[in-house]
Amino acid sequence: MIGPRINAGGRIKSPYDSLNALLYSGEQQIKYLENLDSINEERKQMQEDMFKMAEEMLDLEQKFLFCAHEDFHE
């Protein structure tokens, strides 16, 4: 459960929230964990939006499927 959130911290924002969530405990840790949860929700929404955009761009009749767009996050 925590793995995707730790990963999202470094992929979307700064990796320091992920690091601090692992270094601290108690009240200090909670603020970093809450921030990571928020970042992970943002990542999931971005992923869903990109997937929908890709679905609209693809021609499923083709044998080779490839989709790219400048608005896609790395």
C-alpha atoms as a PDB file:
ATOM      1  CA  MET A   1       0.000   0.000   0.000  1.00  0.00           C
ATOM      2  CA  ILE A   2       2.745   2.461   0.804  1.00  0.00           C
ATOM      3  CA  GLY A   3       4.996   1.502  -2.135  1.00  0.00           C
ATOM      4  CA  PRO A   4       3.000   3.321  -4.848  1.00  0.00           C
ATOM      5  CA  ARG A   5       2.758   6.400  -2.658  1.00  0.00           C
ATOM      6  CA  ILE A   6       6.491   6.499  -2.002  1.00  0.00           C
ATOM      7  CA  ASN A   7       7.132   6.027  -5.709  1.00  0.00           C
ATOM      8  CA  ALA A   8       4.627   8.738  -6.704  1.00  0.00           C
ATOM      9  CA  GLY A   9       6.397  11.252  -4.498  1.00  0.00           C
ATOM     10  CA  GLY A  10       9.557  11.040  -6.576  1.00  0.00           C
ATOM     11  CA  ARG A  11       7.812  10.684  -9.925  1.00  0.00           C
ATOM     12  CA  ILE A  12       5.423  13.614  -9.632  1.00  0.00           C
ATOM     13  CA  LYS A  13       6.972  15.996  -7.100  1.00  0.00           C
ATOM     14  CA  SER A  14      10.088  15.834  -4.957  1.00  0.00           C
ATOM     15  CA  PRO A  15      11.510  12.592  -3.551  1.00  0.00           C
ATOM     16  CA  TYR A  16      12.093  14.313  -0.211  1.00  0.00           C
ATOM     17  CA  ASP A  17       8.519  13.765   0.997  1.00  0.00           C
ATOM     18  CA  SER A  18       9.057  10.048   0.447  1.00  0.00           C
ATOM     19  CA  LEU A  19      12.382  10.123   2.243  1.00  0.00           C
ATOM     20  CA  ASN A  20      10.998  12.126   5.158  1.00  0.00           C
ATOM     21  CA  ALA A  21       8.014   9.796   5.494  1.00  0.00           C
ATOM     22  CA  LEU A  22      10.500   6.981   6.080  1.00  0.00           C
ATOM     23  CA  LEU A  23      12.844   8.947   8.354  1.00  0.00           C
ATOM     24  CA  TYR A  24      10.303  10.476  10.733  1.00  0.00           C
ATOM     25  CA  SER A  25       7.665   8.995  12.980  1.00  0.00           C
ATOM     26  CA  GLY A  26       4.623  10.251  14.821  1.00  0.00           C
ATOM     27  CA  GLU A  27       3.129  13.635  14.000  1.00  0.00           C
ATOM     28  CA  GLN A  28       6.022  14.627  11.740  1.00  0.00           C
ATOM     29  CA  GLN A  29       5.593  11.480   9.678  1.00  0.00           C
ATOM     30  CA  ILE A  30       1.825  11.947   9.318  1.00  0.00           C
ATOM     31  CA  LYS A  31       2.150  15.219   7.383  1.00  0.00           C
ATOM     32  CA  TYR A  32       4.517  13.588   4.894  1.00  0.00           C
ATOM     33  CA  LEU A  33       2.298  10.517   4.542  1.00  0.00           C
ATOM     34  CA  GLU A  34      -0.747  12.699   3.926  1.00  0.00           C
ATOM     35  CA  ASN A  35       1.167  14.657   1.302  1.00  0.00           C
ATOM     36  CA  LEU A  36       2.267  11.422  -0.382  1.00  0.00           C
ATOM     37  CA  ASP A  37      -1.315  10.201  -0.425  1.00  0.00           C
ATOM     38  CA  SER A  38      -2.373  13.436  -2.123  1.00  0.00           C
ATOM     39  CA  ILE A  39       0.440  13.137  -4.668  1.00  0.00           C
ATOM     40  CA  ASN A  40      -0.539   9.529  -5.363  1.00  0.00           C
ATOM     41  CA  GLU A  41      -4.154  10.572  -6.017  1.00  0.00           C
ATOM     42  CA  GLU A  42      -2.846  13.196  -8.452  1.00  0.00           C
ATOM     43  CA  ARG A  43      -0.739  10.527 -10.166  1.00  0.00           C
ATOM     44  CA  LYS A  44      -3.710   8.181 -10.485  1.00  0.00           C
ATOM     45  CA  GLN A  45      -5.828  10.940 -12.034  1.00  0.00           C
ATOM     46  CA  MET A  46      -3.041  11.841 -14.474  1.00  0.00           C
ATOM     47  CA  GLN A  47      -2.675   8.184 -15.421  1.00  0.00           C
ATOM     48  CA  GLU A  48      -6.409   7.806 -15.977  1.00  0.00           C
ATOM     49  CA  ASP A  49      -6.550  10.963 -18.114  1.00  0.00           C
ATOM     50  CA  MET A  50      -3.586   9.848 -20.233  1.00  0.00           C
ATOM     51  CA  PHE A  51      -5.074   6.373 -20.672  1.00  0.00           C
ATOM     52  CA  LYS A  52      -8.381   7.830 -21.897  1.00  0.00           C
ATOM     53  CA  MET A  53      -6.541  10.119 -24.296  1.00  0.00           C
ATOM     54  CA  ALA A  54      -4.477   7.201 -25.597  1.00  0.00           C
ATOM     55  CA  GLU A  55      -7.578   5.060 -26.096  1.00  0.00           C
ATOM     56  CA  GLU A  56      -9.096   7.778 -28.267  1.00  0.00           C
ATOM     57  CA  MET A  57      -5.915   8.079 -30.342  1.00  0.00           C
ATOM     58  CA  LEU A  58      -5.414   4.371 -31.049  1.00  0.00           C
ATOM     59  CA  ASP A  59      -6.650   2.549 -34.127  1.00  0.00           C
ATOM     60  CA  LEU A  60      -7.327  -0.966 -32.863  1.00  0.00           C
ATOM     61  CA  GLU A  61      -7.490  -2.288 -36.429  1.00  0.00           C
ATOM     62  CA  GLN A  62      -3.730  -1.843 -36.748  1.00  0.00           C
ATOM     63  CA  LYS A  63      -1.381  -4.727 -35.959  1.00  0.00           C
ATOM     64  CA  PHE A  64       1.097  -2.501 -34.147  1.00  0.00           C
ATOM     65  CA  LEU A  65      -0.236  -0.093 -31.526  1.00  0.00           C
ATOM     66  CA  PHE A  66       1.766   2.958 -30.542  1.00  0.00           C
ATOM     67  CA  CYS A  67       0.631   6.099 -28.821  1.00  0.00           C
ATOM     68  CA  ALA A  68       2.576   9.223 -27.860  1.00  0.00           C
ATOM     69  CA  HIS A  69       1.592  12.753 -26.997  1.00  0.00           C
ATOM     70  CA  GLU A  70       3.551  15.744 -25.719  1.00  0.00           C
ATOM     71  CA  ASP A  71       1.144  16.103 -22.778  1.00  0.00           C
ATOM     72  CA  PHE A  72       1.888  12.580 -21.494  1.00  0.00           C
ATOM     73  CA  HIS A  73       3.902  12.537 -18.289  1.00  0.00           C
ATOM     74  CA  GLU A  74       7.139  10.591 -18.451  1.00  0.00           C
END
